[in-house]
Amino acid sequence: MKTTKKYLALIFGILGCLCFGGGDWLMMYGNPAFEGSVKWLTLGTAAIPQWRYTLAMALAFPGVIFYGAALFAVQEFITDEKKKKVYHYLNAFGLTPWIALHLIYVVILSLFAWLQNNGFSVDALLICEALFNNFSWMIVVSEGLMLPVFLYWFYLQITGNTIFKRGMAFTNVLVIFCVLKGISLMMPESAFRLGFTNGLMSESMLIWFVIVYLRIGRKEF
């Protein structure tokens, strides 16, 4: 793949982060006060208009396409052909749950807001907590499919199987995610913290794509 196409693919990845991340903020940014056991069913999410949930879901479709373009292009930085194929299939499996995971949150939040604003506020929390409890297993399954490709990418970099220096392994998406998660824990409870925390994966991916984009422009990787 020519360098120009690699740049373009990474730009697509950044656009994907803006799509998914924008959706994450749209569906969660609001008053952080909550009741019950699911802390993201807040007073703020109950007041969010339905068009924001619709837009948050709609943005996920171009988002996952843009992510795919960038993440598949990244395999061209792998120097071993067999390991490149392993990465390729892990990436294919890892992309499958992105929309499913996004959907379950959007549907529950949308339902919660609708019930709260259409005369069913007494039962809204009970119904939506029950719905989440029924499908919470999807989170574990989705993460189980999403994480291996990033762990494998760390392994490839730390063992010198990419065009980058081994130290670049510590710019891994999961490392960035952990740093941002630590930052989020130090933030006061607020609408900003809710949006920031909900968008952590997209924000981590955004930083990673930018780092890779800037790195391939250097003579020394």
Protein backbone atom coordinates (compact mmCIF):
# COMPACT_ATOMS: atom_id res chain seq x y z
CA MET A 1 0.00 0.00 0.00
CA LYS A 2 1.36 3.40 -1.00
CA THR A 3 2.06 5.93 1.73
CA THR A 4 -0.65 8.27 0.42
CA LYS A 5 -3.25 5.51 0.78
CA LYS A 6 -2.02 4.77 4.29
CA TYR A 7 -2.44 8.43 5.22
CA LEU A 8 -5.93 8.41 3.73
CA ALA A 9 -6.88 5.24 5.62
CA LEU A 10 -5.71 6.76 8.91
CA ILE A 11 -7.73 9.90 8.18
CA PHE A 12 -10.73 7.62 7.72
CA GLY A 13 -9.93 6.11 11.12
CA ILE A 14 -9.93 9.56 12.68
CA LEU A 15 -13.30 10.27 11.05
CA GLY A 16 -14.56 6.99 12.49
CA CYS A 17 -13.49 8.14 15.96
CA LEU A 18 -15.39 11.39 15.47
CA CYS A 19 -18.50 9.43 14.40
CA PHE A 20 -18.43 6.93 17.25
CA GLY A 21 -17.11 9.41 19.79
CA GLY A 22 -19.68 12.00 18.76
CA GLY A 23 -22.39 9.41 19.24
CA ASP A 24 -20.99 8.50 22.66
CA TRP A 25 -21.21 12.12 23.77
CA LEU A 26 -24.67 12.68 22.24
CA MET A 27 -26.19 9.76 24.12
CA MET A 28 -24.69 10.50 27.53
CA TYR A 29 -23.86 14.19 28.02
CA GLY A 30 -26.20 15.56 30.71
CA ASN A 31 -26.92 15.83 34.41
CA PRO A 32 -24.95 13.01 36.12
CA ALA A 33 -27.37 12.54 39.05
CA PHE A 34 -28.90 9.07 39.10
CA GLU A 35 -30.99 6.64 41.12
CA GLY A 36 -30.82 2.88 41.03
CA SER A 37 -28.00 0.48 40.25
CA VAL A 38 -27.18 1.51 36.67
CA LYS A 39 -25.32 4.80 37.10
CA TRP A 40 -25.59 5.87 33.45
CA LEU A 41 -29.39 5.96 33.63
CA THR A 42 -29.18 9.54 34.83
CA LEU A 43 -31.47 12.53 35.07
CA GLY A 44 -29.50 13.95 32.14
CA THR A 45 -30.07 10.95 29.85
CA ALA A 46 -33.78 10.99 30.75
CA ALA A 47 -33.98 14.55 29.41
CA ILE A 48 -32.09 13.90 26.15
CA PRO A 49 -34.36 14.32 23.08
CA GLN A 50 -34.87 11.25 20.92
CA TRP A 51 -33.17 12.79 17.88
CA ARG A 52 -29.84 12.64 19.75
CA TYR A 53 -30.18 8.90 20.28
CA THR A 54 -31.18 8.42 16.65
CA LEU A 55 -28.18 10.42 15.47
CA ALA A 56 -25.85 8.58 17.87
CA MET A 57 -26.94 5.26 16.34
CA ALA A 58 -26.81 6.55 12.76
CA LEU A 59 -23.23 7.77 13.23
CA ALA A 60 -22.14 4.26 14.21
CA PHE A 61 -22.59 2.91 10.67
CA PRO A 62 -20.11 5.19 8.87
CA GLY A 63 -18.02 5.04 12.02
CA VAL A 64 -17.41 1.29 11.83
CA ILE A 65 -16.69 1.50 8.08
CA PHE A 66 -14.08 4.22 8.69
CA TYR A 67 -12.60 2.21 11.58
CA GLY A 68 -12.36 -0.84 9.35
CA ALA A 69 -10.58 1.07 6.60
CA ALA A 70 -7.93 2.29 9.04
CA LEU A 71 -7.48 -0.87 11.08
CA PHE A 72 -7.11 -3.08 8.01
CA ALA A 73 -4.62 -0.61 6.54
CA VAL A 74 -2.52 -0.86 9.72
CA GLN A 75 -1.75 -4.49 8.86
CA GLU A 76 0.55 -3.19 6.11
CA PHE A 77 2.94 -2.09 8.86
CA ILE A 78 3.44 -5.72 9.92
CA THR A 79 6.62 -7.25 8.48
CA ASP A 80 5.81 -10.95 8.86
CA GLU A 81 3.21 -12.27 6.39
CA LYS A 82 1.87 -15.02 8.67
CA LYS A 83 1.46 -12.58 11.56
CA LYS A 84 -0.18 -10.13 9.18
CA LYS A 85 -2.85 -12.76 8.41
CA VAL A 86 -3.43 -13.41 12.12
CA TYR A 87 -3.90 -9.68 12.67
CA HIS A 88 -6.26 -9.51 9.68
CA TYR A 89 -8.64 -12.13 11.06
CA LEU A 90 -8.48 -10.85 14.63
CA ASN A 91 -9.38 -7.43 13.28
CA ALA A 92 -12.30 -8.84 11.28
CA PHE A 93 -13.67 -10.56 14.37
CA GLY A 94 -12.97 -7.49 16.50
CA LEU A 95 -14.99 -5.14 14.31
CA THR A 96 -18.18 -7.22 14.52
CA PRO A 97 -19.35 -6.16 18.01
CA TRP A 98 -18.80 -2.40 17.68
CA ILE A 99 -22.31 -1.62 16.42
CA ALA A 100 -23.95 -4.30 18.59
CA LEU A 101 -22.42 -2.82 21.73
CA HIS A 102 -23.38 0.70 20.66
CA LEU A 103 -26.93 -0.44 19.88
CA ILE A 104 -27.68 -1.99 23.25
CA TYR A 105 -26.75 1.21 25.08
CA VAL A 106 -28.61 3.48 22.64
CA VAL A 107 -31.79 1.39 22.81
CA ILE A 108 -31.86 1.26 26.61
CA LEU A 109 -31.10 4.98 26.97
CA SER A 110 -33.66 5.90 24.31
CA LEU A 111 -36.31 3.77 26.00
CA PHE A 112 -35.45 5.24 29.41
CA ALA A 113 -35.86 8.80 28.11
CA TRP A 114 -39.12 7.96 26.30
CA LEU A 115 -40.66 6.31 29.36
CA GLN A 116 -39.61 9.20 31.59
CA ASN A 117 -41.26 11.73 29.29
CA ASN A 118 -44.43 9.85 28.34
CA GLY A 119 -46.11 9.10 31.64
CA PHE A 120 -44.17 5.99 32.67
CA SER A 121 -41.51 7.58 34.90
CA VAL A 122 -42.42 5.38 37.86
CA ASP A 123 -41.53 2.19 35.97
CA ALA A 124 -38.80 3.57 33.66
CA LEU A 125 -35.88 2.71 35.92
CA LEU A 126 -37.19 -0.77 36.75
CA ILE A 127 -37.81 -1.64 33.09
CA CYS A 128 -34.50 -0.33 31.78
CA GLU A 129 -32.41 -1.89 34.56
CA ALA A 130 -34.09 -5.23 33.86
CA LEU A 131 -33.42 -4.84 30.13
CA PHE A 132 -29.77 -4.05 30.79
CA ASN A 133 -29.40 -6.99 33.17
CA ASN A 134 -30.83 -9.31 30.51
CA PHE A 135 -28.32 -8.19 27.89
CA SER A 136 -25.29 -7.20 29.98
CA TRP A 137 -23.59 -10.41 28.85
CA MET A 138 -23.16 -8.73 25.45
CA ILE A 139 -20.61 -6.36 26.98
CA VAL A 140 -18.33 -9.21 28.06
CA VAL A 141 -18.70 -11.03 24.72
CA SER A 142 -18.13 -7.84 22.73
CA GLU A 143 -15.03 -6.89 24.67
CA GLY A 144 -13.78 -10.46 24.33
CA LEU A 145 -13.92 -10.02 20.55
CA MET A 146 -12.68 -6.43 20.42
CA LEU A 147 -9.59 -6.60 22.65
CA PRO A 148 -7.48 -9.44 21.13
CA VAL A 149 -6.49 -7.47 18.01
CA PHE A 150 -5.11 -4.63 20.15
CA LEU A 151 -3.29 -7.05 22.46
CA TYR A 152 -1.84 -8.80 19.42
CA TRP A 153 -0.75 -5.46 17.95
CA PHE A 154 1.09 -4.74 21.22
CA TYR A 155 2.79 -8.13 20.96
CA LEU A 156 3.81 -7.48 17.34
CA GLN A 157 5.33 -4.12 18.18
CA ILE A 158 7.12 -5.15 21.35
CA THR A 159 8.66 -8.13 19.53
CA GLY A 160 9.79 -6.06 16.54
CA ASN A 161 7.37 -7.46 13.97
CA THR A 162 6.25 -4.07 12.65
CA ILE A 163 8.05 -1.26 10.84
CA PHE A 164 7.95 0.78 14.04
CA LYS A 165 10.44 0.85 16.89
CA ARG A 166 9.56 -1.45 19.78
CA GLY A 167 8.89 1.48 22.09
CA MET A 168 5.86 2.36 19.95
CA ALA A 169 4.13 -0.59 21.60
CA PHE A 170 3.42 1.69 24.54
CA THR A 171 1.31 3.96 22.35
CA ASN A 172 -1.14 1.04 22.05
CA VAL A 173 -4.85 1.89 22.15
CA LEU A 174 -5.27 -0.06 25.40
CA VAL A 175 -2.40 1.81 27.07
CA ILE A 176 -3.90 5.14 26.01
CA PHE A 177 -7.29 3.94 27.24
CA CYS A 178 -5.88 3.14 30.69
CA VAL A 179 -4.26 6.59 30.92
CA LEU A 180 -7.48 8.34 29.92
CA LYS A 181 -9.47 6.15 32.32
CA GLY A 182 -7.18 7.24 35.14
CA ILE A 183 -7.72 10.87 34.16
CA SER A 184 -11.50 10.37 34.12
CA LEU A 185 -11.42 9.00 37.68
CA MET A 186 -9.89 12.26 38.87
CA MET A 187 -12.61 14.37 37.26
CA PRO A 188 -15.50 15.69 39.36
CA GLU A 189 -18.95 14.29 38.61
CA SER A 190 -20.30 16.29 35.69
CA ALA A 191 -21.90 16.05 32.26
CA PHE A 192 -18.42 16.40 30.75
CA ARG A 193 -17.11 13.42 32.72
CA LEU A 194 -20.07 11.30 31.57
CA GLY A 195 -19.44 12.13 27.92
CA PHE A 196 -15.67 11.75 28.27
CA THR A 197 -15.97 8.38 30.03
CA ASN A 198 -18.53 7.03 27.57
CA GLY A 199 -16.29 8.00 24.66
CA LEU A 200 -13.03 6.65 26.11
CA MET A 201 -12.46 3.99 23.48
CA SER A 202 -13.10 6.38 20.59
CA GLU A 203 -10.89 9.02 22.21
CA SER A 204 -8.13 6.45 22.69
CA MET A 205 -8.43 5.31 19.08
CA LEU A 206 -8.32 8.93 17.91
CA ILE A 207 -5.05 9.59 19.75
CA TRP A 208 -3.56 6.35 18.44
CA PHE A 209 -4.48 7.06 14.82
CA VAL A 210 -2.96 10.54 15.10
CA ILE A 211 0.26 9.10 16.58
CA VAL A 212 0.56 6.52 13.78
CA TYR A 213 -0.26 9.17 11.16
CA LEU A 214 2.49 11.45 12.44
CA ARG A 215 4.94 8.60 12.87
CA ILE A 216 4.79 7.28 9.31
CA GLY A 217 5.75 10.74 8.08
CA ARG A 218 9.20 10.34 9.62
CA LYS A 219 12.18 8.60 8.11
CA GLU A 220 12.82 6.81 11.39
CA PHE A 221 9.78 4.89 12.60
